[in-house]
PDB file of N, CA and C in Angstrom:
ATOM      1  N   MET A   1      11.168  31.254  -4.236  1.00  0.00           N
ATOM      2  CA  MET A   1      12.659  30.237  -3.834  1.00  0.00           C
ATOM      3  C   MET A   1      12.007  29.206  -5.259  1.00  0.00           C
ATOM      4  N   THR A   2      12.931  28.828  -5.908  1.00  0.00           N
ATOM      5  CA  THR A   2      12.418  27.870  -7.220  1.00  0.00           C
ATOM      6  C   THR A   2      12.444  26.594  -6.602  1.00  0.00           C
ATOM      7  N   ARG A   3      11.555  26.182  -7.826  1.00  0.00           N
ATOM      8  CA  ARG A   3      12.163  24.431  -6.976  1.00  0.00           C
ATOM      9  C   ARG A   3      13.412  23.744  -6.958  1.00  0.00           C
ATOM     10  N   ASP A   4      14.163  24.194  -8.226  1.00  0.00           N
ATOM     11  CA  ASP A   4      15.444  24.093  -7.913  1.00  0.00           C
ATOM     12  C   ASP A   4      16.347  24.271  -7.000  1.00  0.00           C
ATOM     13  N   GLU A   5      16.372  25.850  -6.233  1.00  0.00           N
ATOM     14  CA  GLU A   5      16.691  26.473  -5.400  1.00  0.00           C
ATOM     15  C   GLU A   5      16.444  25.597  -4.043  1.00  0.00           C
ATOM     16  N   ILE A   6      15.314  25.188  -3.870  1.00  0.00           N
ATOM     17  CA  ILE A   6      14.232  24.266  -2.694  1.00  0.00           C
ATOM     18  C   ILE A   6      15.236  22.821  -2.907  1.00  0.00           C
ATOM     19  N   LYS A   7      15.794  22.118  -3.802  1.00  0.00           N
ATOM     20  CA  LYS A   7      15.926  20.906  -3.677  1.00  0.00           C
ATOM     21  C   LYS A   7      17.610  21.444  -3.467  1.00  0.00           C
ATOM     22  N   ASP A   8      18.309  22.674  -4.046  1.00  0.00           N
ATOM     23  CA  ASP A   8      20.016  22.796  -3.279  1.00  0.00           C
ATOM     24  C   ASP A   8      19.708  22.557  -1.990  1.00  0.00           C
ATOM     25  N   VAL A   9      18.740  23.155  -1.552  1.00  0.00           N
ATOM     26  CA  VAL A   9      18.312  23.539  -0.176  1.00  0.00           C
ATOM     27  C   VAL A   9      18.503  22.661   0.637  1.00  0.00           C
ATOM     28  N   ILE A  10      17.473  21.779   0.198  1.00  0.00           N
ATOM     29  CA  ILE A  10      17.997  20.323   1.203  1.00  0.00           C
ATOM     30  C   ILE A  10      18.627  19.602   0.786  1.00  0.00           C
ATOM     31  N   ILE A  11      19.306  19.533  -0.429  1.00  0.00           N
ATOM     32  CA  ILE A  11      20.918  18.629  -0.784  1.00  0.00           C
ATOM     33  C   ILE A  11      22.118  19.092   0.631  1.00  0.00           C
ATOM     34  N   GLU A  12      21.770  20.799   1.134  1.00  0.00           N
ATOM     35  CA  GLU A  12      23.021  21.146   1.643  1.00  0.00           C
ATOM     36  C   GLU A  12      22.417  21.066   3.090  1.00  0.00           C
ATOM     37  N   ILE A  13      21.608  21.086   3.112  1.00  0.00           N
ATOM     38  CA  ILE A  13      21.234  20.364   4.930  1.00  0.00           C
ATOM     39  C   ILE A  13      21.855  18.997   4.505  1.00  0.00           C
ATOM     40  N   ILE A  14      21.179  18.460   4.227  1.00  0.00           N
ATOM     41  CA  ILE A  14      21.397  16.965   4.196  1.00  0.00           C
ATOM     42  C   ILE A  14      23.238  16.883   4.184  1.00  0.00           C
ATOM     43  N   GLU A  15      23.620  17.587   3.458  1.00  0.00           N
ATOM     44  CA  GLU A  15      25.228  17.431   3.384  1.00  0.00           C
ATOM     45  C   GLU A  15      26.109  17.460   4.692  1.00  0.00           C
ATOM     46  N   ASP A  16      24.683  18.702   5.083  1.00  0.00           N
ATOM     47  CA  ASP A  16      26.107  19.879   6.370  1.00  0.00           C
ATOM     48  C   ASP A  16      25.225  18.311   7.150  1.00  0.00           C
ATOM     49  N   ILE A  17      24.310  17.861   7.675  1.00  0.00           N
ATOM     50  CA  ILE A  17      24.632  16.902   8.900  1.00  0.00           C
ATOM     51  C   ILE A  17      24.851  15.484   8.611  1.00  0.00           C
ATOM     52  N   ASP A  18      24.843  15.193   7.094  1.00  0.00           N
ATOM     53  CA  ASP A  18      25.234  13.876   7.027  1.00  0.00           C
ATOM     54  C   ASP A  18      26.593  14.210   6.126  1.00  0.00           C
ATOM     55  N   GLU A  19      27.863  14.489   6.392  1.00  0.00           N
ATOM     56  CA  GLU A  19      29.011  14.945   5.431  1.00  0.00           C
ATOM     57  C   GLU A  19      29.426  13.256   4.013  1.00  0.00           C
ATOM     58  N   ASP A  20      29.216  12.131   4.959  1.00  0.00           N
ATOM     59  CA  ASP A  20      29.521  11.227   4.223  1.00  0.00           C
ATOM     60  C   ASP A  20      28.140  11.357   3.150  1.00  0.00           C
ATOM     61  N   ALA A  21      27.231  12.021   3.399  1.00  0.00           N
ATOM     62  CA  ALA A  21      25.958  11.306   2.079  1.00  0.00           C
ATOM     63  C   ALA A  21      25.883  11.650   0.772  1.00  0.00           C
ATOM     64  N   GLU A  22      26.246  10.327  -0.148  1.00  0.00           N
ATOM     65  CA  GLU A  22      26.373  10.165  -1.348  1.00  0.00           C
ATOM     66  C   GLU A  22      25.144  10.987  -2.327  1.00  0.00           C
ATOM     67  N   MET A  23      24.968  12.133  -2.596  1.00  0.00           N
ATOM     68  CA  MET A  23      24.215  12.598  -3.109  1.00  0.00           C
ATOM     69  C   MET A  23      24.180  12.098  -5.014  1.00  0.00           C
ATOM     70  N   ASP A  24      25.400  11.740  -4.880  1.00  0.00           N
ATOM     71  CA  ASP A  24      25.180  11.393  -6.847  1.00  0.00           C
ATOM     72  C   ASP A  24      24.501  10.681  -7.238  1.00  0.00           C
ATOM     73  N   GLY A  25      23.382  10.355  -8.067  1.00  0.00           N
ATOM     74  CA  GLY A  25      23.039   9.006  -8.193  1.00  0.00           C
ATOM     75  C   GLY A  25      21.387   8.817  -6.952  1.00  0.00           C
ATOM     76  N   LEU A  26      21.051  10.152  -6.709  1.00  0.00           N
ATOM     77  CA  LEU A  26      20.192   9.938  -5.878  1.00  0.00           C
ATOM     78  C   LEU A  26      19.402   9.721  -6.528  1.00  0.00           C
ATOM     79  N   ASN A  27      17.937   9.185  -6.368  1.00  0.00           N
ATOM     80  CA  ASN A  27      16.661   9.085  -7.235  1.00  0.00           C
ATOM     81  C   ASN A  27      15.825  10.203  -6.536  1.00  0.00           C
ATOM     82  N   PRO A  28      14.920  11.527  -6.986  1.00  0.00           N
ATOM     83  CA  PRO A  28      14.539  12.048  -6.239  1.00  0.00           C
ATOM     84  C   PRO A  28      13.105  11.513  -5.547  1.00  0.00           C
ATOM     85  N   ASP A  29      12.269  10.669  -5.857  1.00  0.00           N
ATOM     86  CA  ASP A  29      11.268   9.459  -5.695  1.00  0.00           C
ATOM     87  C   ASP A  29      11.301   8.696  -4.914  1.00  0.00           C
ATOM     88  N   GLU A  30      12.189   8.283  -4.219  1.00  0.00           N
ATOM     89  CA  GLU A  30      12.957   7.178  -3.693  1.00  0.00           C
ATOM     90  C   GLU A  30      12.775   8.224  -2.026  1.00  0.00           C
ATOM     91  N   PRO A  31      12.643   7.397  -0.826  1.00  0.00           N
ATOM     92  CA  PRO A  31      12.311   8.098   0.132  1.00  0.00           C
ATOM     93  C   PRO A  31      13.830   8.598   0.465  1.00  0.00           C
ATOM     94  N   LEU A  32      14.107   9.474   1.008  1.00  0.00           N
ATOM     95  CA  LEU A  32      15.964  10.107   1.849  1.00  0.00           C
ATOM     96  C   LEU A  32      16.520   8.920   2.738  1.00  0.00           C
ATOM     97  N   ARG A  33      15.344   8.527   3.357  1.00  0.00           N
ATOM     98  CA  ARG A  33      16.119   7.807   4.575  1.00  0.00           C
ATOM     99  C   ARG A  33      16.830   6.332   3.903  1.00  0.00           C
ATOM    100  N   ASP A  34      16.057   5.947   2.903  1.00  0.00           N
ATOM    101  CA  ASP A  34      16.301   4.811   2.814  1.00  0.00           C
ATOM    102  C   ASP A  34      18.106   4.618   1.727  1.00  0.00           C
ATOM    103  N   GLN A  35      17.998   5.959   0.581  1.00  0.00           N
ATOM    104  CA  GLN A  35      19.478   6.076  -0.221  1.00  0.00           C
ATOM    105  C   GLN A  35      20.279   6.190   0.762  1.00  0.00           C
ATOM    106  N   LEU A  36      19.799   7.744   1.946  1.00  0.00           N
ATOM    107  CA  LEU A  36      21.067   8.099   2.387  1.00  0.00           C
ATOM    108  C   LEU A  36      21.626   7.190   4.017  1.00  0.00           C
ATOM    109  N   ASP A  37      20.683   6.453   4.157  1.00  0.00           N
ATOM    110  CA  ASP A  37      21.038   5.516   5.509  1.00  0.00           C
ATOM    111  C   ASP A  37      20.539   6.703   6.730  1.00  0.00           C
ATOM    112  N   LEU A  38      19.526   7.802   6.528  1.00  0.00           N
ATOM    113  CA  LEU A  38      18.857   8.173   7.583  1.00  0.00           C
ATOM    114  C   LEU A  38      18.457   7.832   8.606  1.00  0.00           C
ATOM    115  N   ASP A  39      18.543   8.739   9.716  1.00  0.00           N
ATOM    116  CA  ASP A  39      18.065   7.748  11.057  1.00  0.00           C
ATOM    117  C   ASP A  39      16.935   8.731  11.129  1.00  0.00           C
ATOM    118  N   SER A  40      16.218   8.557  12.250  1.00  0.00           N
ATOM    119  CA  SER A  40      15.278   9.237  12.927  1.00  0.00           C
ATOM    120  C   SER A  40      15.655  11.011  13.611  1.00  0.00           C
ATOM    121  N   MET A  41      17.191  11.072  13.909  1.00  0.00           N
ATOM    122  CA  MET A  41      17.630  12.261  14.408  1.00  0.00           C
ATOM    123  C   MET A  41      18.179  12.939  13.240  1.00  0.00           C
ATOM    124  N   ASP A  42      18.910  12.445  12.641  1.00  0.00           N
ATOM    125  CA  ASP A  42      19.189  12.469  10.515  1.00  0.00           C
ATOM    126  C   ASP A  42      17.736  13.813  10.584  1.00  0.00           C
ATOM    127  N   PHE A  43      16.753  13.160  10.248  1.00  0.00           N
ATOM    128  CA  PHE A  43      15.120  13.691   9.768  1.00  0.00           C
ATOM    129  C   PHE A  43      14.736  15.131  10.722  1.00  0.00           C
ATOM    130  N   LEU A  44      14.788  14.916  12.011  1.00  0.00           N
ATOM    131  CA  LEU A  44      14.458  16.113  12.685  1.00  0.00           C
ATOM    132  C   LEU A  44      15.736  17.268  12.902  1.00  0.00           C
ATOM    133  N   ASP A  45      16.813  16.636  12.512  1.00  0.00           N
ATOM    134  CA  ASP A  45      17.896  18.244  12.207  1.00  0.00           C
ATOM    135  C   ASP A  45      17.707  18.091  11.136  1.00  0.00           C
ATOM    136  N   ILE A  46      16.821  17.863  10.014  1.00  0.00           N
ATOM    137  CA  ILE A  46      16.840  18.232   9.068  1.00  0.00           C
ATOM    138  C   ILE A  46      15.069  19.312   9.194  1.00  0.00           C
ATOM    139  N   VAL A  47      14.815  18.978   9.868  1.00  0.00           N
ATOM    140  CA  VAL A  47      13.561  20.142  10.080  1.00  0.00           C
ATOM    141  C   VAL A  47      13.965  20.838  11.021  1.00  0.00           C
ATOM    142  N   MET A  48      14.446  20.862  11.546  1.00  0.00           N
ATOM    143  CA  MET A  48      14.271  21.796  12.836  1.00  0.00           C
ATOM    144  C   MET A  48      15.817  22.709  11.642  1.00  0.00           C
ATOM    145  N   GLU A  49      16.363  21.979  10.549  1.00  0.00           N
ATOM    146  CA  GLU A  49      17.725  23.252  10.091  1.00  0.00           C
ATOM    147  C   GLU A  49      16.194  24.611   9.160  1.00  0.00           C
ATOM    148  N   LEU A  50      15.359  23.798   8.344  1.00  0.00           N
ATOM    149  CA  LEU A  50      14.164  24.023   7.489  1.00  0.00           C
ATOM    150  C   LEU A  50      13.825  25.304   8.583  1.00  0.00           C
ATOM    151  N   ARG A  51      13.392  24.833  10.160  1.00  0.00           N
ATOM    152  CA  ARG A  51      12.914  25.805  11.120  1.00  0.00           C
ATOM    153  C   ARG A  51      14.056  27.262  11.393  1.00  0.00           C
ATOM    154  N   LYS A  52      14.732  26.567  11.139  1.00  0.00           N
ATOM    155  CA  LYS A  52      15.893  28.002  11.587  1.00  0.00           C
ATOM    156  C   LYS A  52      15.831  28.781  11.312  1.00  0.00           C
ATOM    157  N   ARG A  53      16.043  27.950   9.510  1.00  0.00           N
ATOM    158  CA  ARG A  53      16.540  29.278   8.192  1.00  0.00           C
ATOM    159  C   ARG A  53      15.742  29.918   7.806  1.00  0.00           C
ATOM    160  N   TYR A  54      14.509  29.685   7.820  1.00  0.00           N
ATOM    161  CA  TYR A  54      13.360  29.772   6.763  1.00  0.00           C
ATOM    162  C   TYR A  54      11.896  30.270   8.063  1.00  0.00           C
ATOM    163  N   LYS A  55      12.341  30.240   9.208  1.00  0.00           N
ATOM    164  CA  LYS A  55      11.657  30.155  10.109  1.00  0.00           C
ATOM    165  C   LYS A  55       9.862  28.928  10.132  1.00  0.00           C
ATOM    166  N   LEU A  56      10.066  27.885   9.379  1.00  0.00           N
ATOM    167  CA  LEU A  56       8.643  27.161   9.199  1.00  0.00           C
ATOM    168  C   LEU A  56       8.763  26.353  10.435  1.00  0.00           C
ATOM    169  N   GLN A  57       6.935  26.227  10.117  1.00  0.00           N
ATOM    170  CA  GLN A  57       6.658  25.488  11.197  1.00  0.00           C
ATOM    171  C   GLN A  57       6.424  24.070  10.322  1.00  0.00           C
ATOM    172  N   ILE A  58       6.677  22.739  11.100  1.00  0.00           N
ATOM    173  CA  ILE A  58       6.640  21.892  10.432  1.00  0.00           C
ATOM    174  C   ILE A  58       5.897  20.782  11.152  1.00  0.00           C
ATOM    175  N   PRO A  59       4.358  20.358  10.957  1.00  0.00           N
ATOM    176  CA  PRO A  59       3.866  19.686  12.162  1.00  0.00           C
ATOM    177  C   PRO A  59       4.347  18.548  12.019  1.00  0.00           C
ATOM    178  N   GLU A  60       4.398  17.273  13.338  1.00  0.00           N
ATOM    179  CA  GLU A  60       4.670  16.536  13.003  1.00  0.00           C
ATOM    180  C   GLU A  60       4.280  15.366  12.160  1.00  0.00           C
ATOM    181  N   GLU A  61       2.322  15.446  12.228  1.00  0.00           N
ATOM    182  CA  GLU A  61       1.862  15.225  11.062  1.00  0.00           C
ATOM    183  C   GLU A  61       1.928  14.830   9.902  1.00  0.00           C
ATOM    184  N   ASP A  62       2.943  16.395   9.159  1.00  0.00           N
ATOM    185  CA  ASP A  62       3.166  16.682   8.295  1.00  0.00           C
ATOM    186  C   ASP A  62       4.983  15.668   7.681  1.00  0.00           C
ATOM    187  N   TYR A  63       5.489  15.035   8.655  1.00  0.00           N
ATOM    188  CA  TYR A  63       6.912  14.644   8.561  1.00  0.00           C
ATOM    189  C   TYR A  63       6.696  13.436   6.941  1.00  0.00           C
ATOM    190  N   PRO A  64       5.636  12.711   6.600  1.00  0.00           N
ATOM    191  CA  PRO A  64       6.076  11.929   5.693  1.00  0.00           C
ATOM    192  C   PRO A  64       5.546  12.668   4.558  1.00  0.00           C
ATOM    193  N   GLU A  65       5.211  13.702   4.323  1.00  0.00           N
ATOM    194  CA  GLU A  65       5.589  14.482   3.069  1.00  0.00           C
ATOM    195  C   GLU A  65       6.870  14.921   2.867  1.00  0.00           C
ATOM    196  N   LEU A  66       7.319  14.769   3.931  1.00  0.00           N
ATOM    197  CA  LEU A  66       9.139  15.435   3.218  1.00  0.00           C
ATOM    198  C   LEU A  66      10.101  13.594   3.502  1.00  0.00           C
ATOM    199  N   ALA A  67       9.451  12.796   2.897  1.00  0.00           N
ATOM    200  CA  ALA A  67      10.026  11.227   2.582  1.00  0.00           C
ATOM    201  C   ALA A  67      11.027  11.990   1.535  1.00  0.00           C
ATOM    202  N   SER A  68      10.816  12.228  -0.051  1.00  0.00           N
ATOM    203  CA  SER A  68      11.732  12.318  -1.040  1.00  0.00           C
ATOM    204  C   SER A  68      11.944  13.393  -0.865  1.00  0.00           C
ATOM    205  N   LEU A  69      13.147  13.486  -2.148  1.00  0.00           N
ATOM    206  CA  LEU A  69      13.329  15.138  -1.897  1.00  0.00           C
ATOM    207  C   LEU A  69      12.726  15.584  -3.463  1.00  0.00           C
ATOM    208  N   ASN A  70      11.731  14.943  -3.937  1.00  0.00           N
ATOM    209  CA  ASN A  70      10.340  16.012  -5.341  1.00  0.00           C
ATOM    210  C   ASN A  70       9.507  16.127  -3.666  1.00  0.00           C
ATOM    211  N   SER A  71       8.795  15.221  -2.964  1.00  0.00           N
ATOM    212  CA  SER A  71       8.274  15.540  -2.284  1.00  0.00           C
ATOM    213  C   SER A  71       8.407  16.606  -0.889  1.00  0.00           C
ATOM    214  N   CYS A  72       9.686  16.714  -0.737  1.00  0.00           N
ATOM    215  CA  CYS A  72       9.984  17.584   0.235  1.00  0.00           C
ATOM    216  C   CYS A  72       9.903  18.950  -0.605  1.00  0.00           C
ATOM    217  N   VAL A  73      10.175  19.733  -2.255  1.00  0.00           N
ATOM    218  CA  VAL A  73      10.195  19.978  -2.895  1.00  0.00           C
ATOM    219  C   VAL A  73       8.512  20.722  -3.285  1.00  0.00           C
ATOM    220  N   ASN A  74       7.598  19.396  -3.168  1.00  0.00           N
ATOM    221  CA  ASN A  74       6.177  19.344  -3.237  1.00  0.00           C
ATOM    222  C   ASN A  74       5.622  20.566  -1.756  1.00  0.00           C
ATOM    223  N   TYR A  75       5.851  19.699  -1.131  1.00  0.00           N
ATOM    224  CA  TYR A  75       5.522  20.647   0.714  1.00  0.00           C
ATOM    225  C   TYR A  75       6.208  21.779   0.448  1.00  0.00           C
ATOM    226  N   LEU A  76       7.603  22.475   0.748  1.00  0.00           N
ATOM    227  CA  LEU A  76       8.107  23.290   0.730  1.00  0.00           C
ATOM    228  C   LEU A  76       7.829  24.304  -0.065  1.00  0.00           C
ATOM    229  N   GLU A  77       7.969  24.108  -1.724  1.00  0.00           N
ATOM    230  CA  GLU A  77       7.102  25.220  -2.380  1.00  0.00           C
ATOM    231  C   GLU A  77       6.173  26.015  -2.335  1.00  0.00           C
ATOM    232  N   PRO A  78       4.793  25.584  -1.680  1.00  0.00           N
ATOM    233  CA  PRO A  78       3.931  26.982  -1.383  1.00  0.00           C
ATOM    234  C   PRO A  78       4.166  28.023  -0.079  1.00  0.00           C
ATOM    235  N   LYS A  79       5.265  27.182   0.694  1.00  0.00           N
ATOM    236  CA  LYS A  79       5.763  27.530   1.774  1.00  0.00           C
ATOM    237  C   LYS A  79       7.096  28.572   1.577  1.00  0.00           C
ATOM    238  N   LEU A  80       7.797  28.263   0.031  1.00  0.00           N
ATOM    239  CA  LEU A  80       8.737  29.296   0.340  1.00  0.00           C
ATOM    240  C   LEU A  80       8.718  30.042  -0.418  1.00  0.00           C
ATOM    241  N   LYS A  81       7.451  30.537  -0.908  1.00  0.00           N
ATOM    242  CA  LYS A  81       7.266  30.869  -2.325  1.00  0.00           C
ATOM    243  C   LYS A  81       8.251  32.340  -2.361  1.00  0.00           C
ATOM    244  N   ASN A  82       7.808  32.929  -1.714  1.00  0.00           N
ATOM    245  CA  ASN A  82       8.287  34.855  -1.164  1.00  0.00           C
ATOM    246  C   ASN A  82       9.772  34.858  -0.427  1.00  0.00           C
ATOM    247  N   VAL A  83      10.385  33.700  -0.160  1.00  0.00           N
ATOM    248  CA  VAL A  83      11.727  33.183   0.471  1.00  0.00           C
ATOM    249  C   VAL A  83      12.704  34.140  -0.715  1.00  0.00           C
TER     250      VAL A  83
END
């Protein structure tokens, strides 16, 4: 999976979780929670959807790696390279 495909997946998951999420003008380096007003349950829904779709186990100590769109891509890229 390419970096752009991973970004698209993350955005798609967020849009599924929060239909009102405003993705236009999203800064890929800023925390998603701050920009999209995501709460901890929304964040867990993102992690669970990644697990469901790609059989990824993301340990809780790695959650900070998923803070921004770019950090999500950086974290997920090696895990999804063969998908």
